[in-house]
Amino acid sequence: MLKLRRKPQPNYPNSDRFGEDGLRLYSAYEAAKVRQRLQQGGMKRIRAAAIVLAAIAFVLLVIAFQRPGG
C-alpha cells in the first residue's frame, strides 16, 4: 500500500526577517502585487491612448468624407 507523503513546504528566502507589524519584510506576494498594480496602470494608459487615437481617426474620417457644399 502506498504511503501518503507530506507536501513539501515552500522555502521562503529571508523568512526570518520580519517587520514591526509581524509581516515579512521581503515577501514575494507583495512584490507580485506591486508588479500587478504597475501592469494594470500601464494597461489603463494604453487603453486611454487607443480610445483617443480612435476618436481622432473618426473625426478625420468624418472630415475627409464630408460632401462639399453641405
Protein backbone atom coordinates (compact mmCIF):
# COMPACT_ATOMS: atom_id res chain seq x y z
CA MET A 1 0.00 0.00 0.00
CA LEU A 2 1.22 3.50 -0.80
CA LYS A 3 2.19 5.84 1.99
CA LEU A 4 0.93 9.39 1.86
CA ARG A 5 3.80 11.85 1.81
CA ARG A 6 3.66 15.36 3.15
CA LYS A 7 3.57 18.10 0.60
CA PRO A 8 6.93 19.91 0.50
CA GLN A 9 6.75 23.22 2.30
CA PRO A 10 7.75 26.34 0.35
CA ASN A 11 11.18 27.68 1.13
CA TYR A 12 10.96 31.40 1.73
CA PRO A 13 14.28 33.20 1.44
CA ASN A 14 14.70 35.81 4.17
CA SER A 15 11.78 34.23 6.03
CA ASP A 16 13.48 35.12 9.30
CA ARG A 17 13.20 38.84 8.60
CA PHE A 18 10.03 40.36 9.98
CA GLY A 19 8.97 43.97 10.30
CA GLU A 20 7.36 45.67 13.27
CA ASP A 21 3.90 44.63 12.10
CA GLY A 22 4.89 40.96 12.10
CA LEU A 23 4.87 40.63 8.32
CA ARG A 24 7.87 39.52 6.31
CA LEU A 25 9.99 42.38 5.02
CA TYR A 26 10.70 40.60 1.75
CA SER A 27 7.54 38.97 0.51
CA ALA A 28 7.12 37.52 -2.97
CA TYR A 29 3.36 38.13 -2.59
CA GLU A 30 3.90 41.85 -2.02
CA ALA A 31 6.28 42.06 -4.97
CA ALA A 32 3.68 40.37 -7.18
CA LYS A 33 1.00 42.81 -6.03
CA VAL A 34 3.20 45.80 -6.91
CA ARG A 35 4.03 44.29 -10.31
CA GLN A 36 0.34 43.63 -10.95
CA ARG A 37 -0.55 47.20 -9.99
CA LEU A 38 2.07 48.55 -12.42
CA GLN A 39 0.76 46.34 -15.21
CA GLN A 40 -2.80 47.49 -14.58
CA GLY A 41 -1.71 51.14 -14.68
CA GLY A 42 0.07 50.55 -17.97
CA MET A 43 -2.97 48.83 -19.43
CA LYS A 44 -5.18 51.78 -18.45
CA ARG A 45 -2.77 54.17 -20.16
CA ILE A 46 -2.67 52.03 -23.32
CA ARG A 47 -6.46 51.73 -23.35
CA ALA A 48 -6.86 55.51 -22.97
CA ALA A 49 -4.36 56.14 -25.78
CA ALA A 50 -6.22 53.70 -28.05
CA ILE A 51 -9.54 55.45 -27.37
CA VAL A 52 -8.02 58.87 -28.12
CA LEU A 53 -6.43 57.61 -31.36
CA ALA A 54 -9.72 56.01 -32.44
CA ALA A 55 -11.57 59.27 -31.76
CA ILE A 56 -9.03 61.26 -33.78
CA ALA A 57 -9.29 58.75 -36.66
CA PHE A 58 -13.09 59.01 -36.57
CA VAL A 59 -13.01 62.81 -36.71
CA LEU A 60 -10.54 62.74 -39.61
CA LEU A 61 -12.75 60.25 -41.49
CA VAL A 62 -15.81 62.43 -40.97
CA ILE A 63 -13.92 65.48 -42.23
CA ALA A 64 -12.49 63.59 -45.23
CA PHE A 65 -15.84 62.18 -46.37
CA GLN A 66 -17.97 65.27 -45.90
CA ARG A 67 -19.82 66.27 -49.02
CA PRO A 68 -18.54 69.50 -50.49
CA GLY A 69 -21.16 72.21 -50.31
CA GLY A 70 -23.09 70.71 -47.45
